[in-house]
Amino acid sequence: MRRNLGFTLLAIWLILVGVAEFVSLGSIAGLLNVLALAAGVLILLGQ
């Protein structure tokens, strides 16, 4: 079963945002922004 890359990136982003609320992961705000942007674009493109 082939997974949708956009939804996979969205899942990773959601997990990281959830974990960041409980522990300090350092300065990963830039990474979270890039993941969110990539996931949104890929979902819109249907990838």
PDB file of N, CA and C in Angstrom:
ATOM      1  N   MET A   1       0.835  -1.175   0.000  1.00  0.00           N
ATOM      2  CA  MET A   1       0.000   0.000   0.000  1.00  0.00           C
ATOM      3  C   MET A   1       0.886   1.247   0.000  1.00  0.00           C
ATOM      4  N   ARG A   2       0.719   2.091  -0.995  1.00  0.00           N
ATOM      5  CA  ARG A   2       1.545   3.288  -1.142  1.00  0.00           C
ATOM      6  C   ARG A   2       1.014   4.407  -0.265  1.00  0.00           C
ATOM      7  N   ARG A   3       1.902   5.023   0.502  1.00  0.00           N
ATOM      8  CA  ARG A   3       1.509   6.124   1.377  1.00  0.00           C
ATOM      9  C   ARG A   3       1.654   7.445   0.646  1.00  0.00           C
ATOM     10  N   ASN A   4       0.789   8.369   0.979  1.00  0.00           N
ATOM     11  CA  ASN A   4       0.838   9.707   0.431  1.00  0.00           C
ATOM     12  C   ASN A   4       1.928  10.487   1.172  1.00  0.00           C
ATOM     13  N   LEU A   5       2.909  11.002   0.444  1.00  0.00           N
ATOM     14  CA  LEU A   5       4.045  11.701   1.054  1.00  0.00           C
ATOM     15  C   LEU A   5       3.595  12.935   1.829  1.00  0.00           C
ATOM     16  N   GLY A   6       2.630  13.660   1.308  1.00  0.00           N
ATOM     17  CA  GLY A   6       2.139  14.853   1.995  1.00  0.00           C
ATOM     18  C   GLY A   6       1.558  14.526   3.354  1.00  0.00           C
ATOM     19  N   PHE A   7       0.758  13.450   3.415  1.00  0.00           N
ATOM     20  CA  PHE A   7       0.162  13.069   4.689  1.00  0.00           C
ATOM     21  C   PHE A   7       1.204  12.486   5.637  1.00  0.00           C
ATOM     22  N   THR A   8       2.233  11.844   5.104  1.00  0.00           N
ATOM     23  CA  THR A   8       3.312  11.339   5.948  1.00  0.00           C
ATOM     24  C   THR A   8       4.068  12.502   6.590  1.00  0.00           C
ATOM     25  N   LEU A   9       4.377  13.535   5.799  1.00  0.00           N
ATOM     26  CA  LEU A   9       5.047  14.722   6.350  1.00  0.00           C
ATOM     27  C   LEU A   9       4.148  15.430   7.358  1.00  0.00           C
ATOM     28  N   LEU A  10       2.851  15.471   7.081  1.00  0.00           N
ATOM     29  CA  LEU A  10       1.914  16.082   8.022  1.00  0.00           C
ATOM     30  C   LEU A  10       1.908  15.322   9.340  1.00  0.00           C
ATOM     31  N   ALA A  11       1.928  14.004   9.264  1.00  0.00           N
ATOM     32  CA  ALA A  11       1.956  13.194  10.484  1.00  0.00           C
ATOM     33  C   ALA A  11       3.226  13.457  11.286  1.00  0.00           C
ATOM     34  N   ILE A  12       4.366  13.542  10.607  1.00  0.00           N
ATOM     35  CA  ILE A  12       5.631  13.834  11.286  1.00  0.00           C
ATOM     36  C   ILE A  12       5.566  15.202  11.957  1.00  0.00           C
ATOM     37  N   TRP A  13       5.023  16.183  11.242  1.00  0.00           N
ATOM     38  CA  TRP A  13       4.911  17.532  11.780  1.00  0.00           C
ATOM     39  C   TRP A  13       4.031  17.543  13.028  1.00  0.00           C
ATOM     40  N   LEU A  14       2.894  16.865  12.960  1.00  0.00           N
ATOM     41  CA  LEU A  14       1.992  16.820  14.107  1.00  0.00           C
ATOM     42  C   LEU A  14       2.650  16.158  15.321  1.00  0.00           C
ATOM     43  N   ILE A  15       3.383  15.091  15.084  1.00  0.00           N
ATOM     44  CA  ILE A  15       4.073  14.401  16.176  1.00  0.00           C
ATOM     45  C   ILE A  15       5.121  15.316  16.801  1.00  0.00           C
ATOM     46  N   LEU A  16       5.911  15.991  15.973  1.00  0.00           N
ATOM     47  CA  LEU A  16       6.947  16.877  16.501  1.00  0.00           C
ATOM     48  C   LEU A  16       6.361  18.051  17.269  1.00  0.00           C
ATOM     49  N   VAL A  17       5.264  18.610  16.775  1.00  0.00           N
ATOM     50  CA  VAL A  17       4.619  19.724  17.480  1.00  0.00           C
ATOM     51  C   VAL A  17       4.079  19.235  18.820  1.00  0.00           C
ATOM     52  N   GLY A  18       3.497  18.052  18.838  1.00  0.00           N
ATOM     53  CA  GLY A  18       2.994  17.500  20.083  1.00  0.00           C
ATOM     54  C   GLY A  18       4.086  17.218  21.091  1.00  0.00           C
ATOM     55  N   VAL A  19       5.198  16.660  20.634  1.00  0.00           N
ATOM     56  CA  VAL A  19       6.325  16.359  21.523  1.00  0.00           C
ATOM     57  C   VAL A  19       6.967  17.649  22.015  1.00  0.00           C
ATOM     58  N   ALA A  20       7.039  18.666  21.153  1.00  0.00           N
ATOM     59  CA  ALA A  20       7.668  19.931  21.525  1.00  0.00           C
ATOM     60  C   ALA A  20       6.936  20.617  22.672  1.00  0.00           C
ATOM     61  N   GLU A  21       5.662  20.317  22.858  1.00  0.00           N
ATOM     62  CA  GLU A  21       4.905  20.902  23.968  1.00  0.00           C
ATOM     63  C   GLU A  21       5.355  20.343  25.311  1.00  0.00           C
ATOM     64  N   PHE A  22       5.896  19.133  25.317  1.00  0.00           N
ATOM     65  CA  PHE A  22       6.252  18.476  26.569  1.00  0.00           C
ATOM     66  C   PHE A  22       7.742  18.511  26.886  1.00  0.00           C
ATOM     67  N   VAL A  23       8.583  18.514  25.864  1.00  0.00           N
ATOM     68  CA  VAL A  23      10.031  18.531  26.079  1.00  0.00           C
ATOM     69  C   VAL A  23      10.652  19.621  25.216  1.00  0.00           C
ATOM     70  N   SER A  24      11.786  20.099  25.643  1.00  0.00           N
ATOM     71  CA  SER A  24      12.491  21.118  24.876  1.00  0.00           C
ATOM     72  C   SER A  24      13.340  20.442  23.810  1.00  0.00           C
ATOM     73  N   LEU A  25      12.986  20.679  22.558  1.00  0.00           N
ATOM     74  CA  LEU A  25      13.725  20.073  21.442  1.00  0.00           C
ATOM     75  C   LEU A  25      14.725  21.046  20.827  1.00  0.00           C
ATOM     76  N   GLY A  26      14.952  22.139  21.490  1.00  0.00           N
ATOM     77  CA  GLY A  26      15.873  23.131  20.949  1.00  0.00           C
ATOM     78  C   GLY A  26      15.157  24.013  19.940  1.00  0.00           C
ATOM     79  N   SER A  27      15.914  24.574  19.058  1.00  0.00           N
ATOM     80  CA  SER A  27      15.347  25.486  18.066  1.00  0.00           C
ATOM     81  C   SER A  27      14.989  24.719  16.801  1.00  0.00           C
ATOM     82  N   ILE A  28      13.816  24.119  16.808  1.00  0.00           N
ATOM     83  CA  ILE A  28      13.376  23.369  15.628  1.00  0.00           C
ATOM     84  C   ILE A  28      12.220  24.071  14.921  1.00  0.00           C
ATOM     85  N   ALA A  29      11.991  25.340  15.255  1.00  0.00           N
ATOM     86  CA  ALA A  29      10.880  26.074  14.650  1.00  0.00           C
ATOM     87  C   ALA A  29      11.028  26.139  13.133  1.00  0.00           C
ATOM     88  N   GLY A  30      12.248  26.340  12.661  1.00  0.00           N
ATOM     89  CA  GLY A  30      12.477  26.391  11.216  1.00  0.00           C
ATOM     90  C   GLY A  30      12.153  25.068  10.547  1.00  0.00           C
ATOM     91  N   LEU A  31      12.552  23.976  11.171  1.00  0.00           N
ATOM     92  CA  LEU A  31      12.262  22.651  10.635  1.00  0.00           C
ATOM     93  C   LEU A  31      10.755  22.394  10.596  1.00  0.00           C
ATOM     94  N   LEU A  32      10.058  22.781  11.661  1.00  0.00           N
ATOM     95  CA  LEU A  32       8.610  22.588  11.693  1.00  0.00           C
ATOM     96  C   LEU A  32       7.919  23.407  10.607  1.00  0.00           C
ATOM     97  N   ASN A  33       8.402  24.627  10.371  1.00  0.00           N
ATOM     98  CA  ASN A  33       7.825  25.462   9.318  1.00  0.00           C
ATOM     99  C   ASN A  33       8.034  24.838   7.940  1.00  0.00           C
ATOM    100  N   VAL A  34       9.216  24.313   7.692  1.00  0.00           N
ATOM    101  CA  VAL A  34       9.513  23.686   6.404  1.00  0.00           C
ATOM    102  C   VAL A  34       8.675  22.422   6.215  1.00  0.00           C
ATOM    103  N   LEU A  35       8.551  21.615   7.253  1.00  0.00           N
ATOM    104  CA  LEU A  35       7.733  20.404   7.166  1.00  0.00           C
ATOM    105  C   LEU A  35       6.279  20.739   6.891  1.00  0.00           C
ATOM    106  N   ALA A  36       5.751  21.749   7.572  1.00  0.00           N
ATOM    107  CA  ALA A  36       4.360  22.151   7.370  1.00  0.00           C
ATOM    108  C   ALA A  36       4.144  22.646   5.947  1.00  0.00           C
ATOM    109  N   LEU A  37       5.058  23.451   5.454  1.00  0.00           N
ATOM    110  CA  LEU A  37       4.949  23.973   4.091  1.00  0.00           C
ATOM    111  C   LEU A  37       5.020  22.852   3.064  1.00  0.00           C
ATOM    112  N   ALA A  38       5.976  21.948   3.225  1.00  0.00           N
ATOM    113  CA  ALA A  38       6.124  20.834   2.284  1.00  0.00           C
ATOM    114  C   ALA A  38       4.892  19.932   2.308  1.00  0.00           C
ATOM    115  N   ALA A  39       4.384  19.641   3.489  1.00  0.00           N
ATOM    116  CA  ALA A  39       3.202  18.783   3.595  1.00  0.00           C
ATOM    117  C   ALA A  39       2.004  19.436   2.923  1.00  0.00           C
ATOM    118  N   GLY A  40       1.808  20.712   3.177  1.00  0.00           N
ATOM    119  CA  GLY A  40       0.679  21.426   2.559  1.00  0.00           C
ATOM    120  C   GLY A  40       0.749  21.442   1.044  1.00  0.00           C
ATOM    121  N   VAL A  41       1.919  21.728   0.516  1.00  0.00           N
ATOM    122  CA  VAL A  41       2.088  21.765  -0.947  1.00  0.00           C
ATOM    123  C   VAL A  41       1.858  20.389  -1.558  1.00  0.00           C
ATOM    124  N   LEU A  42       2.438  19.365  -0.956  1.00  0.00           N
ATOM    125  CA  LEU A  42       2.280  18.011  -1.505  1.00  0.00           C
ATOM    126  C   LEU A  42       0.841  17.521  -1.414  1.00  0.00           C
ATOM    127  N   ILE A  43       0.150  17.866  -0.346  1.00  0.00           N
ATOM    128  CA  ILE A  43      -1.264  17.478  -0.241  1.00  0.00           C
ATOM    129  C   ILE A  43      -2.074  18.185  -1.314  1.00  0.00           C
ATOM    130  N   LEU A  44      -1.825  19.471  -1.528  1.00  0.00           N
ATOM    131  CA  LEU A  44      -2.547  20.203  -2.570  1.00  0.00           C
ATOM    132  C   LEU A  44      -2.258  19.650  -3.960  1.00  0.00           C
ATOM    133  N   LEU A  45      -1.029  19.202  -4.185  1.00  0.00           N
ATOM    134  CA  LEU A  45      -0.656  18.651  -5.494  1.00  0.00           C
ATOM    135  C   LEU A  45      -1.097  17.198  -5.652  1.00  0.00           C
ATOM    136  N   GLY A  46      -1.542  16.594  -4.580  1.00  0.00           N
ATOM    137  CA  GLY A  46      -2.003  15.212  -4.641  1.00  0.00           C
ATOM    138  C   GLY A  46      -0.883  14.199  -4.619  1.00  0.00           C
ATOM    139  N   GLN A  47       0.255  14.575  -4.096  1.00  0.00           N
ATOM    140  CA  GLN A  47       1.393  13.673  -4.017  1.00  0.00           C
ATOM    141  C   GLN A  47       1.362  12.964  -2.710  1.00  0.00           C
TER     142      GLN A  47
END
